[in-house]
Amino acid sequence: MTIEEAARRSGLHIHTVRRLLVQGVLFGYKASVGGRRRWLISTRSLRHYCDPINGFLLDLRGPKLYLRRLADSQDDGD
């Protein structure tokens, strides 16, 4: 998918998606689309990055209460 589509699906800004590609956080490659060189992004890497359990939220500072609640409910057999 293109950067524009990835930004729309994820709710991230276009510049943020581009920065994540350059940093290697998202997997993608440049290809010729309609005579222009454009980034194409792996749907799987975007999905993994935006996942609330395994994704970018783990990199943010602050408590991860939702993770504790999820782990607690799994321990109780729910």
C-alpha atoms as a PDB file:
ATOM      1  CA  MET A   1       0.000   0.000   0.000  1.00  0.00           C
ATOM      2  CA  THR A   2       1.112   3.582  -0.515  1.00  0.00           C
ATOM      3  CA  ILE A   3       2.094   6.016   2.237  1.00  0.00           C
ATOM      4  CA  GLU A   4      -1.189   7.859   1.831  1.00  0.00           C
ATOM      5  CA  GLU A   5      -3.239   4.693   2.253  1.00  0.00           C
ATOM      6  CA  ALA A   6      -1.138   3.580   5.247  1.00  0.00           C
ATOM      7  CA  ALA A   7      -1.665   6.975   6.899  1.00  0.00           C
ATOM      8  CA  ARG A   8      -5.404   6.794   6.305  1.00  0.00           C
ATOM      9  CA  ARG A   9      -5.695   3.250   7.678  1.00  0.00           C
ATOM     10  CA  SER A  10      -3.508   3.838  10.731  1.00  0.00           C
ATOM     11  CA  GLY A  11      -4.509   7.386  11.642  1.00  0.00           C
ATOM     12  CA  LEU A  12      -0.859   8.448  11.534  1.00  0.00           C
ATOM     13  CA  HIS A  13       0.350  11.503   9.644  1.00  0.00           C
ATOM     14  CA  ILE A  14       1.942  10.950   6.226  1.00  0.00           C
ATOM     15  CA  HIS A  15       5.241  12.378   7.480  1.00  0.00           C
ATOM     16  CA  THR A  16       5.198   9.986  10.441  1.00  0.00           C
ATOM     17  CA  VAL A  17       4.700   6.983   8.158  1.00  0.00           C
ATOM     18  CA  ARG A  18       7.560   8.178   5.918  1.00  0.00           C
ATOM     19  CA  ARG A  19       9.844   8.685   8.951  1.00  0.00           C
ATOM     20  CA  LEU A  20       9.044   5.185  10.238  1.00  0.00           C
ATOM     21  CA  LEU A  21       9.929   3.749   6.819  1.00  0.00           C
ATOM     22  CA  VAL A  22      13.256   5.568   6.700  1.00  0.00           C
ATOM     23  CA  GLN A  23      14.062   4.475  10.283  1.00  0.00           C
ATOM     24  CA  GLY A  24      13.267   0.867   9.393  1.00  0.00           C
ATOM     25  CA  VAL A  25      10.406   0.545  11.876  1.00  0.00           C
ATOM     26  CA  LEU A  26       7.965  -0.194   9.046  1.00  0.00           C
ATOM     27  CA  PHE A  27       8.933  -2.500   6.199  1.00  0.00           C
ATOM     28  CA  GLY A  28       8.607  -1.093   2.712  1.00  0.00           C
ATOM     29  CA  TYR A  29      10.411  -0.493  -0.530  1.00  0.00           C
ATOM     30  CA  LYS A  30      10.453   2.047  -3.327  1.00  0.00           C
ATOM     31  CA  ALA A  31       8.876   1.046  -6.620  1.00  0.00           C
ATOM     32  CA  SER A  32       7.836   2.772  -9.801  1.00  0.00           C
ATOM     33  CA  VAL A  33       4.079   3.400  -9.671  1.00  0.00           C
ATOM     34  CA  GLY A  34       2.563   5.380 -12.512  1.00  0.00           C
ATOM     35  CA  GLY A  35       5.987   6.578 -13.644  1.00  0.00           C
ATOM     36  CA  ARG A  36       6.898   7.889 -10.159  1.00  0.00           C
ATOM     37  CA  ARG A  37       9.094   6.357  -7.465  1.00  0.00           C
ATOM     38  CA  ARG A  38       6.864   5.750  -4.450  1.00  0.00           C
ATOM     39  CA  TRP A  39       7.112   3.895  -1.172  1.00  0.00           C
ATOM     40  CA  LEU A  40       5.070   0.721  -0.932  1.00  0.00           C
ATOM     41  CA  ILE A  41       4.469  -0.440   2.627  1.00  0.00           C
ATOM     42  CA  SER A  42       3.942  -3.953   3.908  1.00  0.00           C
ATOM     43  CA  THR A  43       0.407  -4.316   5.253  1.00  0.00           C
ATOM     44  CA  ARG A  44       1.652  -6.817   7.798  1.00  0.00           C
ATOM     45  CA  SER A  45       4.291  -4.462   9.246  1.00  0.00           C
ATOM     46  CA  LEU A  46       1.750  -1.617   9.520  1.00  0.00           C
ATOM     47  CA  ARG A  47      -0.740  -3.920  11.234  1.00  0.00           C
ATOM     48  CA  HIS A  48       1.934  -5.101  13.685  1.00  0.00           C
ATOM     49  CA  TYR A  49       3.053  -1.524  14.412  1.00  0.00           C
ATOM     50  CA  CYS A  50      -0.521  -0.382  15.119  1.00  0.00           C
ATOM     51  CA  ASP A  51      -1.417  -3.439  17.229  1.00  0.00           C
ATOM     52  CA  PRO A  52      -2.347  -2.210  20.741  1.00  0.00           C
ATOM     53  CA  ILE A  53      -0.649  -5.141  22.467  1.00  0.00           C
ATOM     54  CA  ASN A  54       2.566  -5.594  20.462  1.00  0.00           C
ATOM     55  CA  GLY A  55       2.870  -2.309  18.627  1.00  0.00           C
ATOM     56  CA  PHE A  56       4.126   1.203  19.151  1.00  0.00           C
ATOM     57  CA  LEU A  57       2.182   1.765  22.382  1.00  0.00           C
ATOM     58  CA  LEU A  58       4.805  -0.299  24.182  1.00  0.00           C
ATOM     59  CA  ASP A  59       7.438   2.290  23.188  1.00  0.00           C
ATOM     60  CA  LEU A  60       5.511   5.159  24.767  1.00  0.00           C
ATOM     61  CA  ARG A  61       6.190   6.214  28.328  1.00  0.00           C
ATOM     62  CA  GLY A  62       3.611   5.670  31.024  1.00  0.00           C
ATOM     63  CA  PRO A  63       1.792   2.791  32.664  1.00  0.00           C
ATOM     64  CA  LYS A  64       0.520  -0.078  30.597  1.00  0.00           C
ATOM     65  CA  LEU A  65      -2.588  -0.761  32.668  1.00  0.00           C
ATOM     66  CA  TYR A  66      -4.468  -2.371  29.804  1.00  0.00           C
ATOM     67  CA  LEU A  67      -1.715  -4.980  29.502  1.00  0.00           C
ATOM     68  CA  ARG A  68      -1.921  -5.798  33.190  1.00  0.00           C
ATOM     69  CA  ARG A  69      -5.703  -6.136  33.033  1.00  0.00           C
ATOM     70  CA  LEU A  70      -5.449  -8.420  30.019  1.00  0.00           C
ATOM     71  CA  ALA A  71      -2.812 -10.568  31.723  1.00  0.00           C
ATOM     72  CA  ASP A  72      -4.855 -10.695  34.961  1.00  0.00           C
ATOM     73  CA  SER A  73      -8.011 -11.791  33.140  1.00  0.00           C
ATOM     74  CA  GLN A  74      -6.092 -14.556  31.343  1.00  0.00           C
ATOM     75  CA  ASP A  75      -4.642 -15.811  34.645  1.00  0.00           C
ATOM     76  CA  ASP A  76      -8.131 -16.056  36.154  1.00  0.00           C
ATOM     77  CA  GLY A  77      -9.251 -18.360  33.371  1.00  0.00           C
ATOM     78  CA  ASP A  78     -11.639 -15.842  31.773  1.00  0.00           C
END
